[in-house]
PDB file of N, CA and C in Angstrom:
ATOM      1  N   MET A   1     -36.941 -81.454 -48.033  1.00  0.00           N
ATOM      2  CA  MET A   1     -37.374 -81.506 -49.422  1.00  0.00           C
ATOM      3  C   MET A   1     -36.879 -82.836 -50.005  1.00  0.00           C
ATOM      4  N   ASN A   2     -37.828 -83.557 -50.594  1.00  0.00           N
ATOM      5  CA  ASN A   2     -37.418 -84.821 -51.188  1.00  0.00           C
ATOM      6  C   ASN A   2     -36.939 -84.613 -52.632  1.00  0.00           C
ATOM      7  N   ARG A   3     -36.525 -85.680 -53.255  1.00  0.00           N
ATOM      8  CA  ARG A   3     -35.957 -85.609 -54.597  1.00  0.00           C
ATOM      9  C   ARG A   3     -36.964 -85.096 -55.630  1.00  0.00           C
ATOM     10  N   GLN A   4     -38.202 -85.542 -55.527  1.00  0.00           N
ATOM     11  CA  GLN A   4     -39.237 -85.131 -56.462  1.00  0.00           C
ATOM     12  C   GLN A   4     -39.554 -83.633 -56.329  1.00  0.00           C
ATOM     13  N   GLN A   5     -39.602 -83.131 -55.097  1.00  0.00           N
ATOM     14  CA  GLN A   5     -39.863 -81.712 -54.859  1.00  0.00           C
ATOM     15  C   GLN A   5     -38.701 -80.866 -55.380  1.00  0.00           C
ATOM     16  N   LYS A   6     -37.487 -81.325 -55.143  1.00  0.00           N
ATOM     17  CA  LYS A   6     -36.294 -80.619 -55.628  1.00  0.00           C
ATOM     18  C   LYS A   6     -36.312 -80.568 -57.161  1.00  0.00           C
ATOM     19  N   PHE A   7     -36.657 -81.681 -57.787  1.00  0.00           N
ATOM     20  CA  PHE A   7     -36.722 -81.728 -59.242  1.00  0.00           C
ATOM     21  C   PHE A   7     -37.776 -80.761 -59.783  1.00  0.00           C
ATOM     22  N   LYS A   8     -38.897 -80.629 -59.094  1.00  0.00           N
ATOM     23  CA  LYS A   8     -39.968 -79.720 -59.500  1.00  0.00           C
ATOM     24  C   LYS A   8     -39.455 -78.278 -59.563  1.00  0.00           C
ATOM     25  N   ILE A   9     -38.678 -77.884 -58.558  1.00  0.00           N
ATOM     26  CA  ILE A   9     -38.083 -76.539 -58.542  1.00  0.00           C
ATOM     27  C   ILE A   9     -37.044 -76.410 -59.647  1.00  0.00           C
ATOM     28  N   GLU A  10     -36.176 -77.393 -59.772  1.00  0.00           N
ATOM     29  CA  GLU A  10     -35.123 -77.347 -60.790  1.00  0.00           C
ATOM     30  C   GLU A  10     -35.701 -77.230 -62.199  1.00  0.00           C
ATOM     31  N   LYS A  11     -36.797 -77.920 -62.451  1.00  0.00           N
ATOM     32  CA  LYS A  11     -37.443 -77.869 -63.762  1.00  0.00           C
ATOM     33  C   LYS A  11     -37.913 -76.447 -64.086  1.00  0.00           C
ATOM     34  N   LYS A  12     -38.484 -75.763 -63.106  1.00  0.00           N
ATOM     35  CA  LYS A  12     -38.926 -74.376 -63.310  1.00  0.00           C
ATOM     36  C   LYS A  12     -37.732 -73.442 -63.529  1.00  0.00           C
ATOM     37  N   LEU A  13     -36.665 -73.644 -62.753  1.00  0.00           N
ATOM     38  CA  LEU A  13     -35.483 -72.792 -62.904  1.00  0.00           C
ATOM     39  C   LEU A  13     -34.836 -72.990 -64.280  1.00  0.00           C
ATOM     40  N   MET A  14     -34.776 -74.235 -64.734  1.00  0.00           N
ATOM     41  CA  MET A  14     -34.166 -74.525 -66.035  1.00  0.00           C
ATOM     42  C   MET A  14     -35.035 -74.067 -67.202  1.00  0.00           C
ATOM     43  N   ALA A  15     -36.311 -73.807 -66.952  1.00  0.00           N
ATOM     44  CA  ALA A  15     -37.202 -73.298 -67.997  1.00  0.00           C
ATOM     45  C   ALA A  15     -36.887 -71.848 -68.350  1.00  0.00           C
ATOM     46  N   LEU A  16     -36.018 -71.218 -67.552  1.00  0.00           N
ATOM     47  CA  LEU A  16     -35.616 -69.827 -67.773  1.00  0.00           C
ATOM     48  C   LEU A  16     -34.112 -69.768 -68.013  1.00  0.00           C
ATOM     49  N   PRO A  17     -33.650 -70.207 -69.197  1.00  0.00           N
ATOM     50  CA  PRO A  17     -32.207 -70.269 -69.447  1.00  0.00           C
ATOM     51  C   PRO A  17     -31.526 -68.899 -69.490  1.00  0.00           C
ATOM     52  N   PHE A  18     -32.302 -67.829 -69.610  1.00  0.00           N
ATOM     53  CA  PHE A  18     -31.740 -66.477 -69.649  1.00  0.00           C
ATOM     54  C   PHE A  18     -31.454 -65.925 -68.252  1.00  0.00           C
ATOM     55  N   VAL A  19     -31.848 -66.662 -67.202  1.00  0.00           N
ATOM     56  CA  VAL A  19     -31.593 -66.234 -65.822  1.00  0.00           C
ATOM     57  C   VAL A  19     -30.409 -67.021 -65.260  1.00  0.00           C
ATOM     58  N   ASN A  20     -29.466 -66.305 -64.659  1.00  0.00           N
ATOM     59  CA  ASN A  20     -28.375 -66.937 -63.916  1.00  0.00           C
ATOM     60  C   ASN A  20     -28.775 -66.916 -62.447  1.00  0.00           C
ATOM     61  N   TRP A  21     -29.196 -68.067 -61.938  1.00  0.00           N
ATOM     62  CA  TRP A  21     -29.685 -68.163 -60.563  1.00  0.00           C
ATOM     63  C   TRP A  21     -28.531 -68.007 -59.600  1.00  0.00           C
ATOM     64  N   ASP A  22     -28.764 -67.282 -58.509  1.00  0.00           N
ATOM     65  CA  ASP A  22     -27.687 -66.865 -57.619  1.00  0.00           C
ATOM     66  C   ASP A  22     -27.872 -67.336 -56.178  1.00  0.00           C
ATOM     67  N   ARG A  23     -28.929 -66.936 -55.515  1.00  0.00           N
ATOM     68  CA  ARG A  23     -29.125 -67.200 -54.080  1.00  0.00           C
ATOM     69  C   ARG A  23     -30.531 -67.690 -53.816  1.00  0.00           C
ATOM     70  N   TYR A  24     -30.713 -68.302 -52.642  1.00  0.00           N
ATOM     71  CA  TYR A  24     -32.059 -68.673 -52.221  1.00  0.00           C
ATOM     72  C   TYR A  24     -32.180 -68.554 -50.715  1.00  0.00           C
ATOM     73  N   VAL A  25     -33.432 -68.415 -50.262  1.00  0.00           N
ATOM     74  CA  VAL A  25     -33.761 -68.347 -48.846  1.00  0.00           C
ATOM     75  C   VAL A  25     -34.865 -69.366 -48.591  1.00  0.00           C
ATOM     76  N   ASP A  26     -34.665 -70.223 -47.592  1.00  0.00           N
ATOM     77  CA  ASP A  26     -35.694 -71.185 -47.190  1.00  0.00           C
ATOM     78  C   ASP A  26     -36.254 -70.699 -45.864  1.00  0.00           C
ATOM     79  N   SER A  27     -37.482 -70.155 -45.902  1.00  0.00           N
ATOM     80  CA  SER A  27     -38.091 -69.598 -44.692  1.00  0.00           C
ATOM     81  C   SER A  27     -38.978 -70.609 -43.977  1.00  0.00           C
ATOM     82  N   GLY A  28     -38.995 -71.828 -44.465  1.00  0.00           N
ATOM     83  CA  GLY A  28     -39.828 -72.857 -43.851  1.00  0.00           C
ATOM     84  C   GLY A  28     -41.102 -73.090 -44.626  1.00  0.00           C
ATOM     85  N   ASP A  29     -41.863 -72.016 -44.872  1.00  0.00           N
ATOM     86  CA  ASP A  29     -43.102 -72.170 -45.636  1.00  0.00           C
ATOM     87  C   ASP A  29     -42.943 -71.768 -47.100  1.00  0.00           C
ATOM     88  N   ALA A  30     -41.751 -71.255 -47.455  1.00  0.00           N
ATOM     89  CA  ALA A  30     -41.488 -70.872 -48.844  1.00  0.00           C
ATOM     90  C   ALA A  30     -39.991 -70.908 -49.118  1.00  0.00           C
ATOM     91  N   ILE A  31     -39.673 -71.158 -50.377  1.00  0.00           N
ATOM     92  CA  ILE A  31     -38.286 -71.072 -50.844  1.00  0.00           C
ATOM     93  C   ILE A  31     -38.259 -69.968 -51.889  1.00  0.00           C
ATOM     94  N   THR A  32     -37.470 -68.943 -51.641  1.00  0.00           N
ATOM     95  CA  THR A  32     -37.363 -67.804 -52.547  1.00  0.00           C
ATOM     96  C   THR A  32     -35.999 -67.843 -53.213  1.00  0.00           C
ATOM     97  N   ILE A  33     -35.995 -67.805 -54.546  1.00  0.00           N
ATOM     98  CA  ILE A  33     -34.762 -67.932 -55.318  1.00  0.00           C
ATOM     99  C   ILE A  33     -34.562 -66.659 -56.132  1.00  0.00           C
ATOM    100  N   PHE A  34     -33.333 -66.137 -56.100  1.00  0.00           N
ATOM    101  CA  PHE A  34     -32.985 -64.878 -56.759  1.00  0.00           C
ATOM    102  C   PHE A  34     -32.003 -65.144 -57.895  1.00  0.00           C
ATOM    103  N   GLY A  35     -32.151 -64.427 -58.997  1.00  0.00           N
ATOM    104  CA  GLY A  35     -31.227 -64.567 -60.110  1.00  0.00           C
ATOM    105  C   GLY A  35     -31.078 -63.275 -60.880  1.00  0.00           C
ATOM    106  N   TRP A  36     -30.179 -63.315 -61.876  1.00  0.00           N
ATOM    107  CA  TRP A  36     -29.838 -62.122 -62.656  1.00  0.00           C
ATOM    108  C   TRP A  36     -29.965 -62.397 -64.144  1.00  0.00           C
ATOM    109  N   ILE A  37     -30.422 -61.397 -64.877  1.00  0.00           N
ATOM    110  CA  ILE A  37     -30.595 -61.476 -66.321  1.00  0.00           C
ATOM    111  C   ILE A  37     -29.685 -60.438 -66.965  1.00  0.00           C
ATOM    112  N   LYS A  38     -28.811 -60.885 -67.864  1.00  0.00           N
ATOM    113  CA  LYS A  38     -27.915 -59.957 -68.562  1.00  0.00           C
ATOM    114  C   LYS A  38     -28.718 -59.064 -69.495  1.00  0.00           C
ATOM    115  N   ARG A  39     -28.234 -57.829 -69.620  1.00  0.00           N
ATOM    116  CA  ARG A  39     -28.843 -56.868 -70.531  1.00  0.00           C
ATOM    117  C   ARG A  39     -27.799 -56.403 -71.535  1.00  0.00           C
ATOM    118  N   ASN A  40     -28.222 -55.583 -72.484  1.00  0.00           N
ATOM    119  CA  ASN A  40     -27.298 -55.080 -73.500  1.00  0.00           C
ATOM    120  C   ASN A  40     -26.538 -53.835 -73.064  1.00  0.00           C
ATOM    121  N   ASP A  41     -26.836 -53.336 -71.850  1.00  0.00           N
ATOM    122  CA  ASP A  41     -26.093 -52.198 -71.323  1.00  0.00           C
ATOM    123  C   ASP A  41     -25.265 -52.692 -70.123  1.00  0.00           C
ATOM    124  N   ASP A  42     -24.837 -51.811 -69.277  1.00  0.00           N
ATOM    125  CA  ASP A  42     -23.995 -52.212 -68.138  1.00  0.00           C
ATOM    126  C   ASP A  42     -24.800 -52.697 -66.930  1.00  0.00           C
ATOM    127  N   TYR A  43     -26.082 -52.825 -67.062  1.00  0.00           N
ATOM    128  CA  TYR A  43     -26.938 -53.223 -65.950  1.00  0.00           C
ATOM    129  C   TYR A  43     -27.394 -54.667 -66.094  1.00  0.00           C
ATOM    130  N   LYS A  44     -27.974 -55.189 -65.016  1.00  0.00           N
ATOM    131  CA  LYS A  44     -28.604 -56.507 -65.026  1.00  0.00           C
ATOM    132  C   LYS A  44     -30.005 -56.356 -64.449  1.00  0.00           C
ATOM    133  N   ASP A  45     -30.912 -57.184 -64.933  1.00  0.00           N
ATOM    134  CA  ASP A  45     -32.251 -57.241 -64.362  1.00  0.00           C
ATOM    135  C   ASP A  45     -32.292 -58.374 -63.354  1.00  0.00           C
ATOM    136  N   PHE A  46     -33.209 -58.286 -62.393  1.00  0.00           N
ATOM    137  CA  PHE A  46     -33.344 -59.351 -61.405  1.00  0.00           C
ATOM    138  C   PHE A  46     -34.533 -60.238 -61.742  1.00  0.00           C
ATOM    139  N   ALA A  47     -34.492 -61.441 -61.198  1.00  0.00           N
ATOM    140  CA  ALA A  47     -35.627 -62.363 -61.261  1.00  0.00           C
ATOM    141  C   ALA A  47     -35.764 -62.986 -59.879  1.00  0.00           C
ATOM    142  N   ILE A  48     -36.991 -63.099 -59.407  1.00  0.00           N
ATOM    143  CA  ILE A  48     -37.276 -63.706 -58.099  1.00  0.00           C
ATOM    144  C   ILE A  48     -38.434 -64.682 -58.291  1.00  0.00           C
ATOM    145  N   ILE A  49     -38.279 -65.871 -57.733  1.00  0.00           N
ATOM    146  CA  ILE A  49     -39.362 -66.847 -57.738  1.00  0.00           C
ATOM    147  C   ILE A  49     -39.513 -67.377 -56.322  1.00  0.00           C
ATOM    148  N   GLU A  50     -40.753 -67.420 -55.855  1.00  0.00           N
ATOM    149  CA  GLU A  50     -41.034 -67.986 -54.540  1.00  0.00           C
ATOM    150  C   GLU A  50     -41.881 -69.244 -54.728  1.00  0.00           C
ATOM    151  N   PHE A  51     -41.395 -70.352 -54.164  1.00  0.00           N
ATOM    152  CA  PHE A  51     -42.103 -71.631 -54.208  1.00  0.00           C
ATOM    153  C   PHE A  51     -42.687 -71.922 -52.829  1.00  0.00           C
ATOM    154  N   SER A  52     -43.933 -72.353 -52.788  1.00  0.00           N
ATOM    155  CA  SER A  52     -44.559 -72.787 -51.537  1.00  0.00           C
ATOM    156  C   SER A  52     -43.988 -74.150 -51.157  1.00  0.00           C
ATOM    157  N   THR A  53     -43.699 -74.358 -49.886  1.00  0.00           N
ATOM    158  CA  THR A  53     -43.211 -75.674 -49.468  1.00  0.00           C
ATOM    159  C   THR A  53     -44.373 -76.639 -49.214  1.00  0.00           C
ATOM    160  N   ASP A  54     -45.611 -76.170 -49.386  1.00  0.00           N
ATOM    161  CA  ASP A  54     -46.764 -77.074 -49.303  1.00  0.00           C
ATOM    162  C   ASP A  54     -46.833 -77.977 -50.529  1.00  0.00           C
ATOM    163  N   ASP A  55     -46.709 -77.356 -51.721  1.00  0.00           N
ATOM    164  CA  ASP A  55     -46.852 -78.118 -52.964  1.00  0.00           C
ATOM    165  C   ASP A  55     -45.709 -77.873 -53.961  1.00  0.00           C
ATOM    166  N   TYR A  56     -44.748 -77.011 -53.602  1.00  0.00           N
ATOM    167  CA  TYR A  56     -43.602 -76.661 -54.438  1.00  0.00           C
ATOM    168  C   TYR A  56     -44.024 -76.052 -55.779  1.00  0.00           C
ATOM    169  N   GLU A  57     -45.149 -75.362 -55.753  1.00  0.00           N
ATOM    170  CA  GLU A  57     -45.607 -74.589 -56.906  1.00  0.00           C
ATOM    171  C   GLU A  57     -45.170 -73.137 -56.718  1.00  0.00           C
ATOM    172  N   VAL A  58     -45.161 -72.376 -57.804  1.00  0.00           N
ATOM    173  CA  VAL A  58     -44.767 -70.967 -57.750  1.00  0.00           C
ATOM    174  C   VAL A  58     -45.870 -70.159 -57.090  1.00  0.00           C
ATOM    175  N   ASN A  59     -45.524 -69.481 -55.994  1.00  0.00           N
ATOM    176  CA  ASN A  59     -46.438 -68.566 -55.297  1.00  0.00           C
ATOM    177  C   ASN A  59     -46.385 -67.182 -55.909  1.00  0.00           C
ATOM    178  N   VAL A  60     -45.165 -66.695 -56.045  1.00  0.00           N
ATOM    179  CA  VAL A  60     -44.913 -65.326 -56.482  1.00  0.00           C
ATOM    180  C   VAL A  60     -43.697 -65.340 -57.395  1.00  0.00           C
ATOM    181  N   TRP A  61     -43.729 -64.506 -58.396  1.00  0.00           N
ATOM    182  CA  TRP A  61     -42.550 -64.296 -59.225  1.00  0.00           C
ATOM    183  C   TRP A  61     -42.503 -62.831 -59.634  1.00  0.00           C
ATOM    184  N   ALA A  62     -41.310 -62.350 -59.886  1.00  0.00           N
ATOM    185  CA  ALA A  62     -41.150 -60.954 -60.312  1.00  0.00           C
ATOM    186  C   ALA A  62     -39.833 -60.816 -61.063  1.00  0.00           C
ATOM    187  N   THR A  63     -39.800 -59.839 -61.937  1.00  0.00           N
ATOM    188  CA  THR A  63     -38.572 -59.511 -62.644  1.00  0.00           C
ATOM    189  C   THR A  63     -38.578 -58.030 -62.992  1.00  0.00           C
ATOM    190  N   SER A  64     -37.399 -57.470 -63.114  1.00  0.00           N
ATOM    191  CA  SER A  64     -37.285 -56.096 -63.589  1.00  0.00           C
ATOM    192  C   SER A  64     -37.094 -56.074 -65.105  1.00  0.00           C
ATOM    193  N   SER A  65     -37.079 -57.240 -65.727  1.00  0.00           N
ATOM    194  CA  SER A  65     -36.849 -57.343 -67.163  1.00  0.00           C
ATOM    195  C   SER A  65     -38.141 -57.169 -67.951  1.00  0.00           C
ATOM    196  N   LYS A  66     -38.222 -56.066 -68.656  1.00  0.00           N
ATOM    197  CA  LYS A  66     -39.365 -55.831 -69.533  1.00  0.00           C
ATOM    198  C   LYS A  66     -39.367 -56.872 -70.659  1.00  0.00           C
ATOM    199  N   GLU A  67     -38.177 -57.190 -71.115  1.00  0.00           N
ATOM    200  CA  GLU A  67     -38.003 -58.127 -72.229  1.00  0.00           C
ATOM    201  C   GLU A  67     -38.464 -59.550 -71.888  1.00  0.00           C
ATOM    202  N   HIS A  68     -38.223 -59.993 -70.651  1.00  0.00           N
ATOM    203  CA  HIS A  68     -38.484 -61.386 -70.303  1.00  0.00           C
ATOM    204  C   HIS A  68     -39.710 -61.614 -69.414  1.00  0.00           C
ATOM    205  N   SER A  69     -40.377 -60.574 -68.981  1.00  0.00           N
ATOM    206  CA  SER A  69     -41.503 -60.781 -68.061  1.00  0.00           C
ATOM    207  C   SER A  69     -42.641 -61.558 -68.722  1.00  0.00           C
ATOM    208  N   GLU A  70     -42.878 -61.332 -69.992  1.00  0.00           N
ATOM    209  CA  GLU A  70     -43.960 -62.047 -70.672  1.00  0.00           C
ATOM    210  C   GLU A  70     -43.661 -63.544 -70.760  1.00  0.00           C
ATOM    211  N   SER A  71     -42.424 -63.899 -71.088  1.00  0.00           N
ATOM    212  CA  SER A  71     -42.075 -65.321 -71.179  1.00  0.00           C
ATOM    213  C   SER A  71     -42.114 -65.989 -69.810  1.00  0.00           C
ATOM    214  N   MET A  72     -41.738 -65.254 -68.763  1.00  0.00           N
ATOM    215  CA  MET A  72     -41.844 -65.806 -67.408  1.00  0.00           C
ATOM    216  C   MET A  72     -43.306 -66.003 -67.034  1.00  0.00           C
ATOM    217  N   GLY A  73     -44.140 -65.042 -67.387  1.00  0.00           N
ATOM    218  CA  GLY A  73     -45.561 -65.144 -67.090  1.00  0.00           C
ATOM    219  C   GLY A  73     -46.210 -66.336 -67.761  1.00  0.00           C
ATOM    220  N   LYS A  74     -45.822 -66.627 -69.003  1.00  0.00           N
ATOM    221  CA  LYS A  74     -46.383 -67.775 -69.718  1.00  0.00           C
ATOM    222  C   LYS A  74     -46.052 -69.087 -69.010  1.00  0.00           C
ATOM    223  N   ILE A  75     -44.903 -69.137 -68.367  1.00  0.00           N
ATOM    224  CA  ILE A  75     -44.495 -70.344 -67.657  1.00  0.00           C
ATOM    225  C   ILE A  75     -45.199 -70.454 -66.306  1.00  0.00           C
ATOM    226  N   PHE A  76     -45.251 -69.349 -65.565  1.00  0.00           N
ATOM    227  CA  PHE A  76     -45.735 -69.397 -64.181  1.00  0.00           C
ATOM    228  C   PHE A  76     -47.215 -69.088 -64.019  1.00  0.00           C
ATOM    229  N   GLN A  77     -47.704 -68.102 -64.747  1.00  0.00           N
ATOM    230  CA  GLN A  77     -49.110 -67.692 -64.631  1.00  0.00           C
ATOM    231  C   GLN A  77     -49.587 -67.260 -66.009  1.00  0.00           C
ATOM    232  N   PRO A  78     -50.051 -68.220 -66.828  1.00  0.00           N
ATOM    233  CA  PRO A  78     -50.390 -67.922 -68.226  1.00  0.00           C
ATOM    234  C   PRO A  78     -51.380 -66.772 -68.422  1.00  0.00           C
ATOM    235  N   ASP A  79     -52.219 -66.488 -67.443  1.00  0.00           N
ATOM    236  CA  ASP A  79     -53.201 -65.407 -67.591  1.00  0.00           C
ATOM    237  C   ASP A  79     -52.680 -64.050 -67.109  1.00  0.00           C
ATOM    238  N   SER A  80     -51.434 -64.014 -66.635  1.00  0.00           N
ATOM    239  CA  SER A  80     -50.907 -62.763 -66.077  1.00  0.00           C
ATOM    240  C   SER A  80     -50.469 -61.813 -67.181  1.00  0.00           C
ATOM    241  N   LYS A  81     -50.403 -60.545 -66.832  1.00  0.00           N
ATOM    242  CA  LYS A  81     -49.935 -59.503 -67.737  1.00  0.00           C
ATOM    243  C   LYS A  81     -48.623 -58.947 -67.189  1.00  0.00           C
ATOM    244  N   HIS A  82     -47.913 -58.220 -68.035  1.00  0.00           N
ATOM    245  CA  HIS A  82     -46.672 -57.581 -67.593  1.00  0.00           C
ATOM    246  C   HIS A  82     -46.982 -56.568 -66.497  1.00  0.00           C
ATOM    247  N   ASN A  83     -46.275 -56.671 -65.405  1.00  0.00           N
ATOM    248  CA  ASN A  83     -46.390 -55.734 -64.299  1.00  0.00           C
ATOM    249  C   ASN A  83     -45.139 -54.875 -64.314  1.00  0.00           C
ATOM    250  N   VAL A  84     -45.287 -53.609 -64.473  1.00  0.00           N
ATOM    251  CA  VAL A  84     -44.129 -52.713 -64.595  1.00  0.00           C
ATOM    252  C   VAL A  84     -43.355 -52.669 -63.283  1.00  0.00           C
ATOM    253  N   CYS A  85     -42.066 -52.939 -63.370  1.00  0.00           N
ATOM    254  CA  CYS A  85     -41.176 -52.838 -62.213  1.00  0.00           C
ATOM    255  C   CYS A  85     -40.786 -51.368 -62.084  1.00  0.00           C
ATOM    256  N   GLN A  86     -40.989 -50.801 -60.923  1.00  0.00           N
ATOM    257  CA  GLN A  86     -40.775 -49.371 -60.738  1.00  0.00           C
ATOM    258  C   GLN A  86     -39.584 -49.101 -59.825  1.00  0.00           C
ATOM    259  N   ARG A  87     -39.006 -47.959 -59.968  1.00  0.00           N
ATOM    260  CA  ARG A  87     -37.831 -47.575 -59.195  1.00  0.00           C
ATOM    261  C   ARG A  87     -38.250 -47.078 -57.815  1.00  0.00           C
ATOM    262  N   VAL A  88     -37.530 -47.517 -56.798  1.00  0.00           N
ATOM    263  CA  VAL A  88     -37.829 -47.156 -55.408  1.00  0.00           C
ATOM    264  C   VAL A  88     -37.764 -45.644 -55.212  1.00  0.00           C
ATOM    265  N   GLU A  89     -36.737 -45.010 -55.761  1.00  0.00           N
ATOM    266  CA  GLU A  89     -36.568 -43.567 -55.530  1.00  0.00           C
ATOM    267  C   GLU A  89     -37.650 -42.733 -56.196  1.00  0.00           C
ATOM    268  N   HIS A  90     -38.407 -43.330 -57.113  1.00  0.00           N
ATOM    269  CA  HIS A  90     -39.509 -42.603 -57.742  1.00  0.00           C
ATOM    270  C   HIS A  90     -40.760 -42.573 -56.862  1.00  0.00           C
ATOM    271  N   LYS A  91     -40.821 -43.444 -55.863  1.00  0.00           N
ATOM    272  CA  LYS A  91     -42.007 -43.530 -55.009  1.00  0.00           C
ATOM    273  C   LYS A  91     -41.720 -43.202 -53.545  1.00  0.00           C
ATOM    274  N   PHE A  92     -40.544 -43.629 -53.057  1.00  0.00           N
ATOM    275  CA  PHE A  92     -40.241 -43.510 -51.637  1.00  0.00           C
ATOM    276  C   PHE A  92     -39.059 -42.576 -51.410  1.00  0.00           C
ATOM    277  N   ASN A  93     -39.138 -41.796 -50.366  1.00  0.00           N
ATOM    278  CA  ASN A  93     -38.088 -40.850 -50.021  1.00  0.00           C
ATOM    279  C   ASN A  93     -37.126 -41.510 -49.033  1.00  0.00           C
ATOM    280  N   VAL A  94     -36.219 -42.329 -49.574  1.00  0.00           N
ATOM    281  CA  VAL A  94     -35.229 -43.004 -48.739  1.00  0.00           C
ATOM    282  C   VAL A  94     -33.838 -42.755 -49.315  1.00  0.00           C
ATOM    283  N   LYS A  95     -32.870 -42.612 -48.430  1.00  0.00           N
ATOM    284  CA  LYS A  95     -31.495 -42.361 -48.869  1.00  0.00           C
ATOM    285  C   LYS A  95     -30.803 -43.630 -49.335  1.00  0.00           C
ATOM    286  N   ASN A  96     -31.192 -44.762 -48.755  1.00  0.00           N
ATOM    287  CA  ASN A  96     -30.501 -46.011 -49.073  1.00  0.00           C
ATOM    288  C   ASN A  96     -31.174 -46.739 -50.244  1.00  0.00           C
ATOM    289  N   CYS A  97     -31.059 -46.120 -51.422  1.00  0.00           N
ATOM    290  CA  CYS A  97     -31.555 -46.734 -52.648  1.00  0.00           C
ATOM    291  C   CYS A  97     -30.575 -46.418 -53.772  1.00  0.00           C
ATOM    292  N   ILE A  98     -30.684 -47.156 -54.836  1.00  0.00           N
ATOM    293  CA  ILE A  98     -29.812 -46.949 -55.988  1.00  0.00           C
ATOM    294  C   ILE A  98     -30.418 -45.871 -56.867  1.00  0.00           C
ATOM    295  N   ARG A  99     -29.603 -44.894 -57.180  1.00  0.00           N
ATOM    296  CA  ARG A  99     -30.055 -43.806 -58.050  1.00  0.00           C
ATOM    297  C   ARG A  99     -29.244 -43.860 -59.347  1.00  0.00           C
ATOM    298  N   LEU A 100     -29.937 -43.786 -60.458  1.00  0.00           N
ATOM    299  CA  LEU A 100     -29.274 -43.795 -61.750  1.00  0.00           C
ATOM    300  C   LEU A 100     -28.767 -42.407 -62.093  1.00  0.00           C
ATOM    301  N   LYS A 101     -27.668 -42.353 -62.806  1.00  0.00           N
ATOM    302  CA  LYS A 101     -27.150 -41.064 -63.261  1.00  0.00           C
ATOM    303  C   LYS A 101     -28.149 -40.439 -64.234  1.00  0.00           C
ATOM    304  N   ASN A 102     -28.293 -39.130 -64.144  1.00  0.00           N
ATOM    305  CA  ASN A 102     -29.185 -38.376 -65.035  1.00  0.00           C
ATOM    306  C   ASN A 102     -30.634 -38.846 -64.976  1.00  0.00           C
ATOM    307  N   ASP A 103     -31.023 -39.451 -63.875  1.00  0.00           N
ATOM    308  CA  ASP A 103     -32.402 -39.909 -63.721  1.00  0.00           C
ATOM    309  C   ASP A 103     -33.265 -38.731 -63.283  1.00  0.00           C
ATOM    310  N   ILE A 104     -34.348 -38.509 -63.996  1.00  0.00           N
ATOM    311  CA  ILE A 104     -35.268 -37.428 -63.649  1.00  0.00           C
ATOM    312  C   ILE A 104     -36.405 -38.026 -62.841  1.00  0.00           C
ATOM    313  N   LEU A 105     -36.567 -37.540 -61.636  1.00  0.00           N
ATOM    314  CA  LEU A 105     -37.611 -38.046 -60.773  1.00  0.00           C
ATOM    315  C   LEU A 105     -38.960 -37.486 -61.194  1.00  0.00           C
ATOM    316  N   PRO A 106     -39.993 -38.332 -61.203  1.00  0.00           N
ATOM    317  CA  PRO A 106     -41.322 -37.828 -61.549  1.00  0.00           C
ATOM    318  C   PRO A 106     -41.859 -36.918 -60.456  1.00  0.00           C
ATOM    319  N   LYS A 107     -42.750 -36.016 -60.818  1.00  0.00           N
ATOM    320  CA  LYS A 107     -43.319 -35.088 -59.842  1.00  0.00           C
ATOM    321  C   LYS A 107     -44.555 -35.675 -59.220  1.00  0.00           C
TER     322      LYS A 107
END
């Protein structure tokens, strides 16, 4: 990655000052960056951005933050709508997932 490509990614990351960026994975054809968004309760929301290494543009982005998904969408995909982030245990029957206290599973 050259300086200009690195700057392109940094500019997108800095456009989201409410995200504390944490880790990244470089798979060769994409760079996926993970971060955390503080909330008003004891939890944090996640943010994920995947950049293509072809053009260093955003391929995919996601967040569990209802509050910030619209602002992220305006930056990355202006025509996108809020996509509801859903809980794994509400859809899949797996033991290795996070379960919230007093969470009522849908039928």
